[in-house]
Amino acid sequence: SELMLGKARAAAGGAVPTMEEPTSDGLKVLRGRVDAALTPGRVE
């Protein structure tokens, strides 16, 4: 909870918080999907 609130505060300050590093093969797959989806055009 404290970690997520820290990320929320960073976002409120105008930053984009760094995402958590994947710690398993399943999370590596999910992180790959996130990186592929979050293109500048889609975020815009």
Full PDB file with SEQRES, HELIX, SHEET, SSBOND, CRYST1, ORIGX, SCALE, CONECT and MASTER records, all heavy atoms in Angstrom:
SEQRES   1 A   44  SER GLU LEU MET LEU GLY LYS ALA ARG ALA ALA ALA GLY          
SEQRES   2 A   44  GLY ALA VAL PRO THR MET GLU GLU PRO THR SER ASP GLY          
SEQRES   3 A   44  LEU LYS VAL LEU ARG GLY ARG VAL ASP ALA ALA LEU THR          
SEQRES   4 A   44  PRO GLY ARG VAL GLU                                          
HELIX    1 AA1 GLU A    2  ALA A   12  1                                  11    
HELIX    2 AA2 ASP A   25  ALA A   37  1                                  13    
HELIX    3 AA3 PRO A   40  VAL A   43  1                                   4    
CRYST1    1.000    1.000    1.000  90.00  90.00  90.00 P 1           1          
ORIGX1      1.000000  0.000000  0.000000        0.00000                         
ORIGX2      0.000000  1.000000  0.000000        0.00000                         
ORIGX3      0.000000  0.000000  1.000000        0.00000                         
SCALE1      1.000000  0.000000  0.000000        0.00000                         
SCALE2      0.000000  1.000000  0.000000        0.00000                         
SCALE3      0.000000  0.000000  1.000000        0.00000                         
ATOM      1  N   SER A   1       0.831  -1.194   0.000  1.00  0.00           N  
ATOM      2  CA  SER A   1       0.000   0.000   0.000  1.00  0.00           C  
ATOM      3  C   SER A   1       0.871   1.250   0.000  1.00  0.00           C  
ATOM      4  O   SER A   1       0.637   2.201  -0.748  1.00  0.00           O  
ATOM      5  CB  SER A   1      -0.935   0.012   1.212  1.00  0.00           C  
ATOM      6  OG  SER A   1      -1.720   1.198   1.226  1.00  0.00           O  
ATOM      7  N   GLU A   2       1.905   1.229   0.817  1.00  0.00           N  
ATOM      8  CA  GLU A   2       2.820   2.376   0.867  1.00  0.00           C  
ATOM      9  C   GLU A   2       3.532   2.554  -0.465  1.00  0.00           C  
ATOM     10  O   GLU A   2       3.722   3.679  -0.943  1.00  0.00           O  
ATOM     11  CB  GLU A   2       3.835   2.174   1.985  1.00  0.00           C  
ATOM     12  CG  GLU A   2       4.769   3.363   2.169  1.00  0.00           C  
ATOM     13  CD  GLU A   2       5.730   3.168   3.325  1.00  0.00           C  
ATOM     14  OE1 GLU A   2       5.851   2.021   3.802  1.00  0.00           O  
ATOM     15  OE2 GLU A   2       6.348   4.155   3.741  1.00  0.00           O  
ATOM     16  N   LEU A   3       3.923   1.450  -1.100  1.00  0.00           N  
ATOM     17  CA  LEU A   3       4.596   1.522  -2.397  1.00  0.00           C  
ATOM     18  C   LEU A   3       3.687   2.150  -3.449  1.00  0.00           C  
ATOM     19  O   LEU A   3       4.109   3.025  -4.224  1.00  0.00           O  
ATOM     20  CB  LEU A   3       5.020   0.115  -2.837  1.00  0.00           C  
ATOM     21  CG  LEU A   3       5.667   0.019  -4.218  1.00  0.00           C  
ATOM     22  CD1 LEU A   3       7.025   0.701  -4.225  1.00  0.00           C  
ATOM     23  CD2 LEU A   3       5.803  -1.448  -4.644  1.00  0.00           C  
ATOM     24  N   MET A   4       2.422   1.707  -3.487  1.00  0.00           N  
ATOM     25  CA  MET A   4       1.485   2.228  -4.481  1.00  0.00           C  
ATOM     26  C   MET A   4       1.168   3.706  -4.228  1.00  0.00           C  
ATOM     27  O   MET A   4       0.995   4.477  -5.171  1.00  0.00           O  
ATOM     28  CB  MET A   4       0.196   1.398  -4.476  1.00  0.00           C  
ATOM     29  CG  MET A   4       0.385  -0.038  -4.928  1.00  0.00           C  
ATOM     30  SD  MET A   4       1.071  -0.144  -6.611  1.00  0.00           S  
ATOM     31  CE  MET A   4       1.487  -1.889  -6.701  1.00  0.00           C  
ATOM     32  N   LEU A   5       1.093   4.098  -2.976  1.00  0.00           N  
ATOM     33  CA  LEU A   5       0.854   5.507  -2.671  1.00  0.00           C  
ATOM     34  C   LEU A   5       2.049   6.361  -3.101  1.00  0.00           C  
ATOM     35  O   LEU A   5       1.881   7.497  -3.541  1.00  0.00           O  
ATOM     36  CB  LEU A   5       0.579   5.694  -1.184  1.00  0.00           C  
ATOM     37  CG  LEU A   5      -0.802   5.238  -0.711  1.00  0.00           C  
ATOM     38  CD1 LEU A   5      -0.921   5.391   0.797  1.00  0.00           C  
ATOM     39  CD2 LEU A   5      -1.908   6.028  -1.413  1.00  0.00           C  
ATOM     40  N   GLY A   6       3.252   5.796  -2.998  1.00  0.00           N  
ATOM     41  CA  GLY A   6       4.426   6.507  -3.489  1.00  0.00           C  
ATOM     42  C   GLY A   6       4.364   6.730  -4.982  1.00  0.00           C  
ATOM     43  O   GLY A   6       4.707   7.809  -5.494  1.00  0.00           O  
ATOM     44  N   LYS A   7       3.905   5.733  -5.718  1.00  0.00           N  
ATOM     45  CA  LYS A   7       3.742   5.880  -7.161  1.00  0.00           C  
ATOM     46  C   LYS A   7       2.646   6.895  -7.484  1.00  0.00           C  
ATOM     47  O   LYS A   7       2.762   7.682  -8.433  1.00  0.00           O  
ATOM     48  CB  LYS A   7       3.415   4.522  -7.796  1.00  0.00           C  
ATOM     49  CG  LYS A   7       4.579   3.530  -7.802  1.00  0.00           C  
ATOM     50  CD  LYS A   7       4.147   2.181  -8.344  1.00  0.00           C  
ATOM     51  CE  LYS A   7       5.284   1.163  -8.325  1.00  0.00           C  
ATOM     52  NZ  LYS A   7       6.137   1.235  -9.513  1.00  0.00           N  
ATOM     53  N   ALA A   8       1.566   6.893  -6.688  1.00  0.00           N  
ATOM     54  CA  ALA A   8       0.491   7.861  -6.904  1.00  0.00           C  
ATOM     55  C   ALA A   8       0.991   9.286  -6.685  1.00  0.00           C  
ATOM     56  O   ALA A   8       0.642  10.207  -7.424  1.00  0.00           O  
ATOM     57  CB  ALA A   8      -0.684   7.557  -5.970  1.00  0.00           C  
ATOM     58  N   ARG A   9       1.817   9.469  -5.658  1.00  0.00           N  
ATOM     59  CA  ARG A   9       2.376  10.806  -5.409  1.00  0.00           C  
ATOM     60  C   ARG A   9       3.283  11.243  -6.553  1.00  0.00           C  
ATOM     61  O   ARG A   9       3.270  12.408  -6.959  1.00  0.00           O  
ATOM     62  CB  ARG A   9       3.156  10.808  -4.092  1.00  0.00           C  
ATOM     63  CG  ARG A   9       2.303  10.631  -2.848  1.00  0.00           C  
ATOM     64  CD  ARG A   9       3.137  10.836  -1.582  1.00  0.00           C  
ATOM     65  NE  ARG A   9       2.398  10.427  -0.400  1.00  0.00           N  
ATOM     66  CZ  ARG A   9       2.500   9.234   0.173  1.00  0.00           C  
ATOM     67  NH1 ARG A   9       3.333   8.325  -0.338  1.00  0.00           N  
ATOM     68  NH2 ARG A   9       1.789   8.930   1.237  1.00  0.00           N  
ATOM     69  N   ALA A  10       4.079  10.322  -7.065  1.00  0.00           N  
ATOM     70  CA  ALA A  10       4.965  10.650  -8.187  1.00  0.00           C  
ATOM     71  C   ALA A  10       4.149  11.064  -9.410  1.00  0.00           C  
ATOM     72  O   ALA A  10       4.494  12.032 -10.108  1.00  0.00           O  
ATOM     73  CB  ALA A  10       5.855   9.458  -8.517  1.00  0.00           C  
ATOM     74  N   ALA A  11       3.060  10.347  -9.680  1.00  0.00           N  
ATOM     75  CA  ALA A  11       2.203  10.687 -10.822  1.00  0.00           C  
ATOM     76  C   ALA A  11       1.558  12.055 -10.618  1.00  0.00           C  
ATOM     77  O   ALA A  11       1.437  12.842 -11.565  1.00  0.00           O  
ATOM     78  CB  ALA A  11       1.137   9.617 -11.019  1.00  0.00           C  
ATOM     79  N   ALA A  12       1.154  12.355  -9.386  1.00  0.00           N  
ATOM     80  CA  ALA A  12       0.574  13.660  -9.097  1.00  0.00           C  
ATOM     81  C   ALA A  12       1.574  14.775  -9.355  1.00  0.00           C  
ATOM     82  O   ALA A  12       1.201  15.900  -9.717  1.00  0.00           O  
ATOM     83  CB  ALA A  12       0.088  13.721  -7.652  1.00  0.00           C  
ATOM     84  N   GLY A  13       2.867  14.461  -9.199  1.00  0.00           N  
ATOM     85  CA  GLY A  13       3.910  15.442  -9.458  1.00  0.00           C  
ATOM     86  C   GLY A  13       4.276  15.574 -10.919  1.00  0.00           C  
ATOM     87  O   GLY A  13       5.185  16.325 -11.261  1.00  0.00           O  
ATOM     88  N   GLY A  14       3.570  14.833 -11.784  1.00  0.00           N  
ATOM     89  CA  GLY A  14       3.814  14.944 -13.218  1.00  0.00           C  
ATOM     90  C   GLY A  14       4.706  13.866 -13.792  1.00  0.00           C  
ATOM     91  O   GLY A  14       4.972  13.854 -14.995  1.00  0.00           O  
ATOM     92  N   ALA A  15       5.173  12.933 -12.965  1.00  0.00           N  
ATOM     93  CA  ALA A  15       6.058  11.870 -13.439  1.00  0.00           C  
ATOM     94  C   ALA A  15       5.252  10.637 -13.856  1.00  0.00           C  
ATOM     95  O   ALA A  15       4.076  10.504 -13.519  1.00  0.00           O  
ATOM     96  CB  ALA A  15       7.048  11.489 -12.351  1.00  0.00           C  
ATOM     97  N   VAL A  16       5.898   9.767 -14.614  1.00  0.00           N  
ATOM     98  CA  VAL A  16       5.331   8.460 -14.929  1.00  0.00           C  
ATOM     99  C   VAL A  16       6.124   7.438 -14.122  1.00  0.00           C  
ATOM    100  O   VAL A  16       7.304   7.191 -14.415  1.00  0.00           O  
ATOM    101  CB  VAL A  16       5.418   8.149 -16.432  1.00  0.00           C  
ATOM    102  CG1 VAL A  16       4.914   6.731 -16.718  1.00  0.00           C  
ATOM    103  CG2 VAL A  16       4.622   9.161 -17.237  1.00  0.00           C  
ATOM    104  N   PRO A  17       5.538   6.856 -13.073  1.00  0.00           N  
ATOM    105  CA  PRO A  17       6.286   5.947 -12.206  1.00  0.00           C  
ATOM    106  C   PRO A  17       6.861   4.758 -12.977  1.00  0.00           C  
ATOM    107  O   PRO A  17       6.254   4.261 -13.932  1.00  0.00           O  
ATOM    108  CB  PRO A  17       5.232   5.485 -11.191  1.00  0.00           C  
ATOM    109  CG  PRO A  17       4.194   6.565 -11.200  1.00  0.00           C  
ATOM    110  CD  PRO A  17       4.154   7.070 -12.605  1.00  0.00           C  
ATOM    111  N   THR A  18       8.034   4.334 -12.553  1.00  0.00           N  
ATOM    112  CA  THR A  18       8.669   3.165 -13.159  1.00  0.00           C  
ATOM    113  C   THR A  18       7.894   1.905 -12.791  1.00  0.00           C  
ATOM    114  O   THR A  18       7.538   1.698 -11.631  1.00  0.00           O  
ATOM    115  CB  THR A  18      10.119   3.032 -12.669  1.00  0.00           C  
ATOM    116  OG1 THR A  18      10.829   4.226 -13.001  1.00  0.00           O  
ATOM    117  CG2 THR A  18      10.808   1.838 -13.313  1.00  0.00           C  
ATOM    118  N   MET A  19       7.637   1.081 -13.788  1.00  0.00           N  
ATOM    119  CA  MET A  19       6.905  -0.163 -13.520  1.00  0.00           C  
ATOM    120  C   MET A  19       7.804  -1.191 -12.829  1.00  0.00           C  
ATOM    121  O   MET A  19       9.028  -1.167 -12.978  1.00  0.00           O  
ATOM    122  CB  MET A  19       6.346  -0.729 -14.828  1.00  0.00           C  
ATOM    123  CG  MET A  19       5.132   0.011 -15.346  1.00  0.00           C  
ATOM    124  SD  MET A  19       4.383  -0.791 -16.794  1.00  0.00           S  
ATOM    125  CE  MET A  19       5.555  -0.331 -18.059  1.00  0.00           C  
ATOM    126  N   GLU A  20       7.172  -2.103 -12.109  1.00  0.00           N  
ATOM    127  CA  GLU A  20       7.888  -3.161 -11.406  1.00  0.00           C  
ATOM    128  C   GLU A  20       8.554  -4.108 -12.400  1.00  0.00           C  
ATOM    129  O   GLU A  20       8.015  -4.388 -13.478  1.00  0.00           O  
ATOM    130  CB  GLU A  20       6.923  -3.946 -10.514  1.00  0.00           C  
ATOM    131  CG  GLU A  20       6.248  -3.120  -9.440  1.00  0.00           C  
ATOM    132  CD  GLU A  20       7.230  -2.599  -8.415  1.00  0.00           C  
ATOM    133  OE1 GLU A  20       7.969  -3.425  -7.833  1.00  0.00           O  
ATOM    134  OE2 GLU A  20       7.260  -1.371  -8.205  1.00  0.00           O  
ATOM    135  N   GLU A  21       9.729  -4.579 -12.036  1.00  0.00           N  
ATOM    136  CA  GLU A  21      10.420  -5.555 -12.883  1.00  0.00           C  
ATOM    137  C   GLU A  21       9.743  -6.925 -12.765  1.00  0.00           C  
ATOM    138  O   GLU A  21       9.347  -7.313 -11.665  1.00  0.00           O  
ATOM    139  CB  GLU A  21      11.890  -5.663 -12.470  1.00  0.00           C  
ATOM    140  CG  GLU A  21      12.715  -4.437 -12.802  1.00  0.00           C  
ATOM    141  CD  GLU A  21      12.791  -4.166 -14.295  1.00  0.00           C  
ATOM    142  OE1 GLU A  21      12.827  -5.153 -15.069  1.00  0.00           O  
ATOM    143  OE2 GLU A  21      12.793  -2.993 -14.687  1.00  0.00           O  
ATOM    144  N   PRO A  22       9.614  -7.650 -13.858  1.00  0.00           N  
ATOM    145  CA  PRO A  22       8.985  -8.979 -13.782  1.00  0.00           C  
ATOM    146  C   PRO A  22       9.882  -9.960 -13.034  1.00  0.00           C  
ATOM    147  O   PRO A  22      11.100  -9.966 -13.219  1.00  0.00           O  
ATOM    148  CB  PRO A  22       8.820  -9.371 -15.254  1.00  0.00           C  
ATOM    149  CG  PRO A  22       9.836  -8.557 -15.994  1.00  0.00           C  
ATOM    150  CD  PRO A  22       9.974  -7.273 -15.239  1.00  0.00           C  
ATOM    151  N   THR A  23       9.269 -10.768 -12.215  1.00  0.00           N  
ATOM    152  CA  THR A  23      10.018 -11.736 -11.408  1.00  0.00           C  
ATOM    153  C   THR A  23       9.681 -13.177 -11.771  1.00  0.00           C  
ATOM    154  O   THR A  23      10.103 -14.106 -11.083  1.00  0.00           O  
ATOM    155  CB  THR A  23       9.727 -11.509  -9.911  1.00  0.00           C  
ATOM    156  OG1 THR A  23       8.317 -11.562  -9.684  1.00  0.00           O  
ATOM    157  CG2 THR A  23      10.254 -10.146  -9.453  1.00  0.00           C  
ATOM    158  N   SER A  24       8.914 -13.358 -12.835  1.00  0.00           N  
ATOM    159  CA  SER A  24       8.569 -14.715 -13.278  1.00  0.00           C  
ATOM    160  C   SER A  24       8.359 -14.682 -14.785  1.00  0.00           C  
ATOM    161  O   SER A  24       8.213 -13.613 -15.392  1.00  0.00           O  
ATOM    162  CB  SER A  24       7.295 -15.205 -12.581  1.00  0.00           C  
ATOM    163  OG  SER A  24       6.177 -14.443 -12.995  1.00  0.00           O  
ATOM    164  N   ASP A  25       8.334 -15.867 -15.380  1.00  0.00           N  
ATOM    165  CA  ASP A  25       8.121 -15.942 -16.831  1.00  0.00           C  
ATOM    166  C   ASP A  25       6.750 -15.384 -17.203  1.00  0.00           C  
ATOM    167  O   ASP A  25       6.592 -14.717 -18.232  1.00  0.00           O  
ATOM    168  CB  ASP A  25       8.246 -17.394 -17.300  1.00  0.00           C  
ATOM    169  CG  ASP A  25       9.686 -17.906 -17.231  1.00  0.00           C  
ATOM    170  OD1 ASP A  25      10.602 -17.063 -17.185  1.00  0.00           O  
ATOM    171  OD2 ASP A  25       9.877 -19.143 -17.211  1.00  0.00           O  
ATOM    172  N   GLY A  26       5.743 -15.672 -16.354  1.00  0.00           N  
ATOM    173  CA  GLY A  26       4.411 -15.156 -16.634  1.00  0.00           C  
ATOM    174  C   GLY A  26       4.368 -13.642 -16.633  1.00  0.00           C  
ATOM    175  O   GLY A  26       3.742 -13.017 -17.498  1.00  0.00           O  
ATOM    176  N   LEU A  27       5.058 -13.022 -15.663  1.00  0.00           N  
ATOM    177  CA  LEU A  27       5.097 -11.564 -15.608  1.00  0.00           C  
ATOM    178  C   LEU A  27       5.904 -10.981 -16.763  1.00  0.00           C  
ATOM    179  O   LEU A  27       5.600  -9.890 -17.252  1.00  0.00           O  
ATOM    180  CB  LEU A  27       5.696 -11.110 -14.280  1.00  0.00           C  
ATOM    181  CG  LEU A  27       4.767 -11.197 -13.059  1.00  0.00           C  
ATOM    182  CD1 LEU A  27       5.536 -10.843 -11.799  1.00  0.00           C  
ATOM    183  CD2 LEU A  27       3.561 -10.274 -13.232  1.00  0.00           C  
ATOM    184  N   LYS A  28       6.919 -11.706 -17.222  1.00  0.00           N  
ATOM    185  CA  LYS A  28       7.683 -11.241 -18.383  1.00  0.00           C  
ATOM    186  C   LYS A  28       6.790 -11.155 -19.615  1.00  0.00           C  
ATOM    187  O   LYS A  28       6.904 -10.223 -20.414  1.00  0.00           O  
ATOM    188  CB  LYS A  28       8.867 -12.167 -18.640  1.00  0.00           C  
ATOM    189  CG  LYS A  28       9.980 -12.041 -17.606  1.00  0.00           C  
ATOM    190  CD  LYS A  28      11.109 -13.009 -17.908  1.00  0.00           C  
ATOM    191  CE  LYS A  28      12.208 -12.906 -16.846  1.00  0.00           C  
ATOM    192  NZ  LYS A  28      13.308 -13.871 -17.095  1.00  0.00           N  
ATOM    193  N   VAL A  29       5.910 -12.130 -19.761  1.00  0.00           N  
ATOM    194  CA  VAL A  29       4.969 -12.103 -20.887  1.00  0.00           C  
ATOM    195  C   VAL A  29       4.036 -10.904 -20.766  1.00  0.00           C  
ATOM    196  O   VAL A  29       3.797 -10.179 -21.739  1.00  0.00           O  
ATOM    197  CB  VAL A  29       4.168 -13.416 -20.945  1.00  0.00           C  
ATOM    198  CG1 VAL A  29       3.060 -13.316 -21.986  1.00  0.00           C  
ATOM    199  CG2 VAL A  29       5.089 -14.589 -21.271  1.00  0.00           C  
ATOM    200  N   LEU A  30       3.500 -10.697 -19.548  1.00  0.00           N  
ATOM    201  CA  LEU A  30       2.595  -9.561 -19.337  1.00  0.00           C  
ATOM    202  C   LEU A  30       3.311  -8.235 -19.575  1.00  0.00           C  
ATOM    203  O   LEU A  30       2.754  -7.321 -20.188  1.00  0.00           O  
ATOM    204  CB  LEU A  30       2.023  -9.604 -17.926  1.00  0.00           C  
ATOM    205  CG  LEU A  30       1.089 -10.770 -17.582  1.00  0.00           C  
ATOM    206  CD1 LEU A  30       0.577 -10.632 -16.154  1.00  0.00           C  
ATOM    207  CD2 LEU A  30      -0.076 -10.857 -18.561  1.00  0.00           C  
ATOM    208  N   ARG A  31       4.540  -8.131 -19.093  1.00  0.00           N  
ATOM    209  CA  ARG A  31       5.294  -6.888 -19.274  1.00  0.00           C  
ATOM    210  C   ARG A  31       5.544  -6.629 -20.766  1.00  0.00           C  
ATOM    211  O   ARG A  31       5.489  -5.480 -21.229  1.00  0.00           O  
ATOM    212  CB  ARG A  31       6.613  -6.958 -18.513  1.00  0.00           C  
ATOM    213  CG  ARG A  31       7.501  -5.719 -18.683  1.00  0.00           C  
ATOM    214  CD  ARG A  31       6.826  -4.447 -18.166  1.00  0.00           C  
ATOM    215  NE  ARG A  31       7.654  -3.287 -18.411  1.00  0.00           N  
ATOM    216  CZ  ARG A  31       8.548  -2.817 -17.554  1.00  0.00           C  
ATOM    217  NH1 ARG A  31       8.738  -3.433 -16.378  1.00  0.00           N  
ATOM    218  NH2 ARG A  31       9.257  -1.752 -17.840  1.00  0.00           N  
ATOM    219  N   GLY A  32       5.803  -7.679 -21.523  1.00  0.00           N  
ATOM    220  CA  GLY A  32       5.974  -7.520 -22.962  1.00  0.00           C  
ATOM    221  C   GLY A  32       4.718  -6.978 -23.631  1.00  0.00           C  
ATOM    222  O   GLY A  32       4.789  -6.131 -24.521  1.00  0.00           O  
ATOM    223  N   ARG A  33       3.559  -7.466 -23.180  1.00  0.00           N  
ATOM    224  CA  ARG A  33       2.297  -6.972 -23.732  1.00  0.00           C  
ATOM    225  C   ARG A  33       2.078  -5.501 -23.381  1.00  0.00           C  
ATOM    226  O   ARG A  33       1.589  -4.722 -24.198  1.00  0.00           O  
ATOM    227  CB  ARG A  33       1.134  -7.821 -23.203  1.00  0.00           C  
ATOM    228  CG  ARG A  33       1.131  -9.248 -23.719  1.00  0.00           C  
ATOM    229  CD  ARG A  33       0.016 -10.056 -23.067  1.00  0.00           C  
ATOM    230  NE  ARG A  33       0.014 -11.443 -23.520  1.00  0.00           N  
ATOM    231  CZ  ARG A  33      -0.771 -12.386 -23.022  1.00  0.00           C  
ATOM    232  NH1 ARG A  33      -1.608 -12.088 -22.032  1.00  0.00           N  
ATOM    233  NH2 ARG A  33      -0.712 -13.619 -23.492  1.00  0.00           N  
ATOM    234  N   VAL A  34       2.453  -5.144 -22.153  1.00  0.00           N  
ATOM    235  CA  VAL A  34       2.308  -3.746 -21.727  1.00  0.00           C  
ATOM    236  C   VAL A  34       3.196  -2.841 -22.571  1.00  0.00           C  
ATOM    237  O   VAL A  34       2.754  -1.813 -23.089  1.00  0.00           O  
ATOM    238  CB  VAL A  34       2.656  -3.592 -20.234  1.00  0.00           C  
ATOM    239  CG1 VAL A  34       2.688  -2.121 -19.829  1.00  0.00           C  
ATOM    240  CG2 VAL A  34       1.647  -4.341 -19.378  1.00  0.00           C  
ATOM    241  N   ASP A  35       4.461  -3.204 -22.713  1.00  0.00           N  
ATOM    242  CA  ASP A  35       5.401  -2.379 -23.465  1.00  0.00           C  
ATOM    243  C   ASP A  35       4.966  -2.222 -24.926  1.00  0.00           C  
ATOM    244  O   ASP A  35       5.130  -1.150 -25.513  1.00  0.00           O  
ATOM    245  CB  ASP A  35       6.804  -2.983 -23.399  1.00  0.00           C  
ATOM    246  CG  ASP A  35       7.407  -2.896 -22.007  1.00  0.00           C  
ATOM    247  OD1 ASP A  35       6.923  -2.075 -21.202  1.00  0.00           O  
ATOM    248  OD2 ASP A  35       8.351  -3.663 -21.717  1.00  0.00           O  
ATOM    249  N   ALA A  36       4.415  -3.298 -25.490  1.00  0.00           N  
ATOM    250  CA  ALA A  36       3.972  -3.227 -26.890  1.00  0.00           C  
ATOM    251  C   ALA A  36       2.723  -2.365 -27.036  1.00  0.00           C  
ATOM    252  O   ALA A  36       2.528  -1.706 -28.070  1.00  0.00           O  
ATOM    253  CB  ALA A  36       3.707  -4.633 -27.423  1.00  0.00           C  
ATOM    254  N   ALA A  37       1.876  -2.353 -26.016  1.00  0.00           N  
ATOM    255  CA  ALA A  37       0.607  -1.617 -26.108  1.00  0.00           C  
ATOM    256  C   ALA A  37       0.762  -0.139 -25.814  1.00  0.00           C  
ATOM    257  O   ALA A  37       0.034   0.693 -26.362  1.00  0.00           O  
ATOM    258  CB  ALA A  37      -0.422  -2.232 -25.158  1.00  0.00           C  
ATOM    259  N   LEU A  38       1.714   0.215 -24.934  1.00  0.00           N  
ATOM    260  CA  LEU A  38       1.835   1.608 -24.501  1.00  0.00           C  
ATOM    261  C   LEU A  38       2.689   2.422 -25.469  1.00  0.00           C  
ATOM    262  O   LEU A  38       3.728   2.965 -25.107  1.00  0.00           O  
ATOM    263  CB  LEU A  38       2.418   1.679 -23.090  1.00  0.00           C  
ATOM    264  CG  LEU A  38       1.534   1.142 -21.969  1.00  0.00           C  
ATOM    265  CD1 LEU A  38       2.207   1.330 -20.620  1.00  0.00           C  
ATOM    266  CD2 LEU A  38       0.166   1.815 -21.976  1.00  0.00           C  
ATOM    267  N   THR A  39       2.238   2.528 -26.706  1.00  0.00           N  
ATOM    268  CA  THR A  39       2.919   3.387 -27.680  1.00  0.00           C  
ATOM    269  C   THR A  39       2.488   4.834 -27.451  1.00  0.00           C  
ATOM    270  O   THR A  39       1.421   5.094 -26.880  1.00  0.00           O  
ATOM    271  CB  THR A  39       2.551   2.973 -29.107  1.00  0.00           C  
ATOM    272  OG1 THR A  39       1.128   3.140 -29.288  1.00  0.00           O  
ATOM    273  CG2 THR A  39       2.910   1.519 -29.368  1.00  0.00           C  
ATOM    274  N   PRO A  40       3.302   5.794 -27.870  1.00  0.00           N  
ATOM    275  CA  PRO A  40       2.920   7.199 -27.686  1.00  0.00           C  
ATOM    276  C   PRO A  40       1.553   7.543 -28.282  1.00  0.00           C  
ATOM    277  O   PRO A  40       0.788   8.309 -27.690  1.00  0.00           O  
ATOM    278  CB  PRO A  40       4.047   7.962 -28.393  1.00  0.00           C  
ATOM    279  CG  PRO A  40       5.223   7.047 -28.305  1.00  0.00           C  
ATOM    280  CD  PRO A  40       4.656   5.665 -28.434  1.00  0.00           C  
ATOM    281  N   GLY A  41       1.242   6.945 -29.429  1.00  0.00           N  
ATOM    282  CA  GLY A  41      -0.047   7.249 -30.042  1.00  0.00           C  
ATOM    283  C   GLY A  41      -1.225   6.763 -29.226  1.00  0.00           C  
ATOM    284  O   GLY A  41      -2.228   7.466 -29.070  1.00  0.00           O  
ATOM    285  N   ARG A  42      -1.121   5.566 -28.682  1.00  0.00           N  
ATOM    286  CA  ARG A  42      -2.220   5.029 -27.867  1.00  0.00           C  
ATOM    287  C   ARG A  42      -2.337   5.774 -26.544  1.00  0.00           C  
ATOM    288  O   ARG A  42      -3.451   6.026 -26.071  1.00  0.00           O  
ATOM    289  CB  ARG A  42      -2.018   3.534 -27.633  1.00  0.00           C  
ATOM    290  CG  ARG A  42      -2.190   2.678 -28.896  1.00  0.00           C  
ATOM    291  CD  ARG A  42      -2.270   1.205 -28.559  1.00  0.00           C  
ATOM    292  NE  ARG A  42      -2.481   0.394 -29.741  1.00  0.00           N  
ATOM    293  CZ  ARG A  42      -1.584  -0.438 -30.256  1.00  0.00           C  
ATOM    294  NH1 ARG A  42      -0.402  -0.573 -29.671  1.00  0.00           N  
ATOM    295  NH2 ARG A  42      -1.847  -1.143 -31.340  1.00  0.00           N  
ATOM    296  N   VAL A  43      -1.213   6.100 -25.941  1.00  0.00           N  
ATOM    297  CA  VAL A  43      -1.263   6.873 -24.695  1.00  0.00           C  
ATOM    298  C   VAL A  43      -1.906   8.235 -24.947  1.00  0.00           C  
ATOM    299  O   VAL A  43      -2.674   8.736 -24.127  1.00  0.00           O  
ATOM    300  CB  VAL A  43       0.151   7.041 -24.108  1.00  0.00           C  
ATOM    301  CG1 VAL A  43       0.139   7.999 -22.923  1.00  0.00           C  
ATOM    302  CG2 VAL A  43       0.711   5.695 -23.682  1.00  0.00           C  
ATOM    303  N   GLU A  44      -1.601   8.819 -26.104  1.00  0.00           N  
ATOM    304  CA  GLU A  44      -2.172  10.123 -26.452  1.00  0.00           C  
ATOM    305  C   GLU A  44      -3.678  10.043 -26.630  1.00  0.00           C  
ATOM    306  O   GLU A  44      -4.413  10.909 -26.165  1.00  0.00           O  
ATOM    307  CB  GLU A  44      -1.522  10.620 -27.758  1.00  0.00           C  
ATOM    308  CG  GLU A  44      -2.084  11.922 -28.292  1.00  0.00           C  
ATOM    309  CD  GLU A  44      -1.557  13.139 -27.565  1.00  0.00           C  
ATOM    310  OE1 GLU A  44      -0.490  13.034 -26.932  1.00  0.00           O  
ATOM    311  OE2 GLU A  44      -2.218  14.178 -27.625  1.00  0.00           O  
TER     312      GLU A  44                                                      
MASTER        0    0    0    3    0    0    0    6  311    1    0    4          
END                                                                             
